[in-house]
Amino acid sequence: MKAHGYVSAEEVRQALRQIYRNDSETNLQNALAQSLADEFKPVNEKGRWKPSPLLVLIFVLLCALTGVFLYFSIGVAP
């Protein structure tokens, strides 16, 4: 078998970077957006990211709890 040539370490690094750049699981931003997206329809009709209903519910409850806390700690004057 005839060898066509050796591969340099830099060529291997560039090939690995290209492989990992295209992989959606290694990109933290894409993996996080995918995990927080709606399971059934992650993209709406306009092509925009659609959040999970559970994430929206948690956000609304957190805002409500923060509002109640601020009302009773700052809003109520003795």
C-alpha atoms as a PDB file:
ATOM      1  CA  MET A   1       0.000   0.000   0.000  1.00  0.00           C
ATOM      2  CA  LYS A   2       1.454   3.301  -1.043  1.00  0.00           C
ATOM      3  CA  ALA A   3       1.230   6.203   1.397  1.00  0.00           C
ATOM      4  CA  HIS A   4      -0.035   9.469  -0.066  1.00  0.00           C
ATOM      5  CA  GLY A   5       1.632  11.579   2.568  1.00  0.00           C
ATOM      6  CA  TYR A   6       1.517  12.458   6.191  1.00  0.00           C
ATOM      7  CA  VAL A   7      -1.035  14.671   7.848  1.00  0.00           C
ATOM      8  CA  SER A   8       0.340  17.485   9.944  1.00  0.00           C
ATOM      9  CA  ALA A   9      -0.909  18.287  13.420  1.00  0.00           C
ATOM     10  CA  GLU A  10      -2.256  21.624  12.218  1.00  0.00           C
ATOM     11  CA  GLU A  11      -4.332  19.946   9.501  1.00  0.00           C
ATOM     12  CA  VAL A  12      -5.809  17.599  12.098  1.00  0.00           C
ATOM     13  CA  ARG A  13      -6.646  20.561  14.383  1.00  0.00           C
ATOM     14  CA  GLN A  14      -8.361  22.387  11.527  1.00  0.00           C
ATOM     15  CA  ALA A  15     -10.362  19.291  10.586  1.00  0.00           C
ATOM     16  CA  LEU A  16     -11.471  18.765  14.195  1.00  0.00           C
ATOM     17  CA  ARG A  17     -12.464  22.424  14.525  1.00  0.00           C
ATOM     18  CA  GLN A  18     -14.539  22.117  11.354  1.00  0.00           C
ATOM     19  CA  ILE A  19     -16.266  18.977  12.626  1.00  0.00           C
ATOM     20  CA  TYR A  20     -17.043  20.441  16.056  1.00  0.00           C
ATOM     21  CA  ARG A  21     -18.167  23.780  14.605  1.00  0.00           C
ATOM     22  CA  ASN A  22     -20.898  22.035  12.611  1.00  0.00           C
ATOM     23  CA  ASP A  23     -22.041  19.843  15.527  1.00  0.00           C
ATOM     24  CA  SER A  24     -25.060  21.379  17.272  1.00  0.00           C
ATOM     25  CA  GLU A  25     -24.495  19.502  20.533  1.00  0.00           C
ATOM     26  CA  THR A  26     -21.063  21.032  21.125  1.00  0.00           C
ATOM     27  CA  ASN A  27     -22.288  24.591  20.609  1.00  0.00           C
ATOM     28  CA  LEU A  28     -23.435  25.751  24.051  1.00  0.00           C
ATOM     29  CA  GLN A  29     -25.769  28.452  22.765  1.00  0.00           C
ATOM     30  CA  ASN A  30     -27.558  26.108  20.372  1.00  0.00           C
ATOM     31  CA  ALA A  31     -27.798  23.329  22.959  1.00  0.00           C
ATOM     32  CA  LEU A  32     -29.271  25.707  25.561  1.00  0.00           C
ATOM     33  CA  ALA A  33     -31.783  27.165  23.108  1.00  0.00           C
ATOM     34  CA  GLN A  34     -32.788  23.662  22.034  1.00  0.00           C
ATOM     35  CA  SER A  35     -33.299  22.503  25.621  1.00  0.00           C
ATOM     36  CA  LEU A  36     -35.437  25.568  26.490  1.00  0.00           C
ATOM     37  CA  ALA A  37     -37.514  25.446  23.296  1.00  0.00           C
ATOM     38  CA  ASP A  38     -40.986  24.018  22.922  1.00  0.00           C
ATOM     39  CA  GLU A  39     -40.798  20.252  22.416  1.00  0.00           C
ATOM     40  CA  PHE A  40     -43.557  20.010  19.818  1.00  0.00           C
ATOM     41  CA  LYS A  41     -42.909  23.125  17.744  1.00  0.00           C
ATOM     42  CA  PRO A  42     -39.565  24.802  18.571  1.00  0.00           C
ATOM     43  CA  VAL A  43     -39.861  27.328  15.716  1.00  0.00           C
ATOM     44  CA  ASN A  44     -42.975  29.364  14.904  1.00  0.00           C
ATOM     45  CA  GLU A  45     -44.324  30.223  11.444  1.00  0.00           C
ATOM     46  CA  LYS A  46     -41.953  33.184  11.035  1.00  0.00           C
ATOM     47  CA  GLY A  47     -38.889  31.073  11.851  1.00  0.00           C
ATOM     48  CA  ARG A  48     -38.372  32.528  15.307  1.00  0.00           C
ATOM     49  CA  TRP A  49     -37.480  30.537  18.418  1.00  0.00           C
ATOM     50  CA  LYS A  50     -40.498  29.554  20.505  1.00  0.00           C
ATOM     51  CA  PRO A  51     -39.914  29.096  24.266  1.00  0.00           C
ATOM     52  CA  SER A  52     -41.274  26.202  26.242  1.00  0.00           C
ATOM     53  CA  PRO A  53     -44.627  26.831  27.995  1.00  0.00           C
ATOM     54  CA  LEU A  54     -43.075  25.626  31.241  1.00  0.00           C
ATOM     55  CA  LEU A  55     -40.315  28.232  30.897  1.00  0.00           C
ATOM     56  CA  VAL A  56     -42.900  30.981  30.320  1.00  0.00           C
ATOM     57  CA  LEU A  57     -44.925  29.840  33.343  1.00  0.00           C
ATOM     58  CA  ILE A  58     -41.848  29.826  35.590  1.00  0.00           C
ATOM     59  CA  PHE A  59     -40.921  33.321  34.392  1.00  0.00           C
ATOM     60  CA  VAL A  60     -44.431  34.672  35.086  1.00  0.00           C
ATOM     61  CA  LEU A  61     -44.509  33.121  38.566  1.00  0.00           C
ATOM     62  CA  LEU A  62     -41.067  34.522  39.347  1.00  0.00           C
ATOM     63  CA  CYS A  63     -42.195  38.004  38.255  1.00  0.00           C
ATOM     64  CA  ALA A  64     -45.338  37.709  40.390  1.00  0.00           C
ATOM     65  CA  LEU A  65     -43.360  36.613  43.452  1.00  0.00           C
ATOM     66  CA  THR A  66     -40.889  39.450  42.949  1.00  0.00           C
ATOM     67  CA  GLY A  67     -43.761  41.940  42.666  1.00  0.00           C
ATOM     68  CA  VAL A  68     -45.390  40.659  45.871  1.00  0.00           C
ATOM     69  CA  PHE A  69     -42.079  40.818  47.695  1.00  0.00           C
ATOM     70  CA  LEU A  70     -41.415  44.376  46.542  1.00  0.00           C
ATOM     71  CA  TYR A  71     -44.944  45.479  47.392  1.00  0.00           C
ATOM     72  CA  PHE A  72     -44.747  44.232  50.966  1.00  0.00           C
ATOM     73  CA  SER A  73     -41.144  45.274  51.585  1.00  0.00           C
ATOM     74  CA  ILE A  74     -41.074  48.721  49.914  1.00  0.00           C
ATOM     75  CA  GLY A  75     -44.634  49.624  48.916  1.00  0.00           C
ATOM     76  CA  VAL A  76     -46.390  49.385  52.252  1.00  0.00           C
ATOM     77  CA  ALA A  77     -45.654  52.394  54.456  1.00  0.00           C
ATOM     78  CA  PRO A  78     -46.226  52.123  58.236  1.00  0.00           C
END
